[in-house]
C-alpha atoms as a PDB file:
ATOM      1  CA  ARG A   1      73.072  66.395  27.698  1.00  0.00           C
ATOM      2  CA  ASN A   2      72.548  69.187  25.188  1.00  0.00           C
ATOM      3  CA  LYS A   3      75.816  69.965  23.390  1.00  0.00           C
ATOM      4  CA  GLN A   4      74.479  72.696  21.117  1.00  0.00           C
ATOM      5  CA  PRO A   5      76.143  76.091  21.480  1.00  0.00           C
ATOM      6  CA  PHE A   6      74.242  78.776  23.353  1.00  0.00           C
ATOM      7  CA  VAL A   7      72.604  81.117  20.848  1.00  0.00           C
ATOM      8  CA  LEU A   8      70.759  84.315  21.626  1.00  0.00           C
ATOM      9  CA  ALA A   9      67.709  85.272  19.617  1.00  0.00           C
ATOM     10  CA  ALA A  10      68.278  87.996  17.068  1.00  0.00           C
ATOM     11  CA  PRO A  11      67.072  91.353  18.394  1.00  0.00           C
ATOM     12  CA  MET A  12      63.975  92.885  16.842  1.00  0.00           C
ATOM     13  CA  SER A  13      64.631  95.984  14.766  1.00  0.00           C
ATOM     14  CA  GLY A  14      63.062  99.272  15.749  1.00  0.00           C
ATOM     15  CA  ALA A  15      61.001  99.295  12.555  1.00  0.00           C
ATOM     16  CA  ASP A  16      59.602  95.830  13.317  1.00  0.00           C
ATOM     17  CA  HIS A  17      58.800  96.863  16.884  1.00  0.00           C
ATOM     18  CA  ALA A  18      57.052 100.031  15.683  1.00  0.00           C
ATOM     19  CA  HIS A  19      55.043  97.999  13.155  1.00  0.00           C
ATOM     20  CA  ASP A  20      53.963  95.510  15.827  1.00  0.00           C
ATOM     21  CA  TYR A  21      53.102  98.355  18.218  1.00  0.00           C
ATOM     22  CA  GLN A  22      50.874  99.976  15.601  1.00  0.00           C
ATOM     23  CA  LYS A  23      49.268  96.593  14.931  1.00  0.00           C
ATOM     24  CA  MET A  24      48.597  96.204  18.660  1.00  0.00           C
ATOM     25  CA  LEU A  25      46.922  99.620  18.838  1.00  0.00           C
ATOM     26  CA  ARG A  26      44.843  98.817  15.738  1.00  0.00           C
ATOM     27  CA  LEU A  27      43.708  95.481  17.201  1.00  0.00           C
ATOM     28  CA  ILE A  28      42.773  97.127  20.506  1.00  0.00           C
ATOM     29  CA  ARG A  29      40.623  99.685  18.672  1.00  0.00           C
ATOM     30  CA  LYS A  30      38.963  96.925  16.638  1.00  0.00           C
ATOM     31  CA  ALA A  31      38.320  94.809  19.740  1.00  0.00           C
ATOM     32  CA  GLU A  32      36.788  97.738  21.615  1.00  0.00           C
ATOM     33  CA  ALA A  33      34.577  98.617  18.633  1.00  0.00           C
ATOM     34  CA  ALA A  34      33.451  94.995  18.297  1.00  0.00           C
ATOM     35  CA  TYR A  35      32.749  94.896  22.043  1.00  0.00           C
ATOM     36  CA  ALA A  36      30.612  98.042  21.807  1.00  0.00           C
ATOM     37  CA  GLU A  37      28.661  96.469  18.916  1.00  0.00           C
ATOM     38  CA  LYS A  38      28.308  93.174  20.854  1.00  0.00           C
ATOM     39  CA  ARG A  39      30.154  91.108  18.227  1.00  0.00           C
ATOM     40  CA  GLU A  40      31.544  88.517  20.634  1.00  0.00           C
ATOM     41  CA  TYR A  41      33.181  86.329  17.988  1.00  0.00           C
ATOM     42  CA  ASP A  42      35.168  89.275  16.626  1.00  0.00           C
ATOM     43  CA  VAL A  43      36.185  90.352  20.135  1.00  0.00           C
ATOM     44  CA  LYS A  44      37.545  86.878  20.871  1.00  0.00           C
ATOM     45  CA  ARG A  45      39.385  86.816  17.539  1.00  0.00           C
ATOM     46  CA  TYR A  46      41.037  90.198  18.133  1.00  0.00           C
ATOM     47  CA  VAL A  47      42.000  89.304  21.703  1.00  0.00           C
ATOM     48  CA  GLU A  48      43.559  86.046  20.487  1.00  0.00           C
ATOM     49  CA  GLN A  49      45.577  87.972  17.887  1.00  0.00           C
ATOM     50  CA  LEU A  50      46.753  90.337  20.615  1.00  0.00           C
ATOM     51  CA  ARG A  51      47.827  87.429  22.812  1.00  0.00           C
ATOM     52  CA  ILE A  52      50.009  85.909  20.093  1.00  0.00           C
ATOM     53  CA  LEU A  53      51.568  89.200  18.974  1.00  0.00           C
ATOM     54  CA  PRO A  54      55.261  88.815  19.916  1.00  0.00           C
ATOM     55  CA  GLY A  55      56.269  90.985  22.847  1.00  0.00           C
ATOM     56  CA  PHE A  56      52.865  92.557  23.460  1.00  0.00           C
ATOM     57  CA  ALA A  57      50.827  89.827  25.167  1.00  0.00           C
ATOM     58  CA  ARG A  58      51.557  91.352  28.579  1.00  0.00           C
ATOM     59  CA  HIS A  59      51.387  95.007  27.537  1.00  0.00           C
ATOM     60  CA  PRO A  60      49.306  96.988  30.089  1.00  0.00           C
ATOM     61  CA  ASN A  61      46.779  98.096  27.454  1.00  0.00           C
ATOM     62  CA  VAL A  62      46.299  94.519  26.254  1.00  0.00           C
ATOM     63  CA  ARG A  63      45.946  93.200  29.800  1.00  0.00           C
ATOM     64  CA  ARG A  64      43.439  95.945  30.632  1.00  0.00           C
ATOM     65  CA  LEU A  65      41.379  95.064  27.541  1.00  0.00           C
ATOM     66  CA  ILE A  66      41.429  91.328  28.308  1.00  0.00           C
ATOM     67  CA  LYS A  67      40.394  91.985  31.915  1.00  0.00           C
ATOM     68  CA  LYS A  68      37.552  94.228  30.730  1.00  0.00           C
ATOM     69  CA  MET A  69      36.330  91.573  28.277  1.00  0.00           C
ATOM     70  CA  GLN A  70      36.503  88.823  30.910  1.00  0.00           C
ATOM     71  CA  ALA A  71      34.581  90.925  33.437  1.00  0.00           C
ATOM     72  CA  ALA A  72      31.789  91.433  30.909  1.00  0.00           C
ATOM     73  CA  SER A  73      31.509  87.701  30.162  1.00  0.00           C
END
């Protein structure tokens, strides 16, 4: 039985969230540009970075981009 005390994760600051949100938007733009230029390796790399970005893997814009990339494959 686990006897460690229950600990909540520290909340993310607004500045950190804003930074990650801007990073998400930047990665989406890069992925779409790479897709338009048919650079498949770069598209996969950007999508992977989006998936591991904390709190944004299921963001509607990210999901829409991933679905678009999968449909084209």
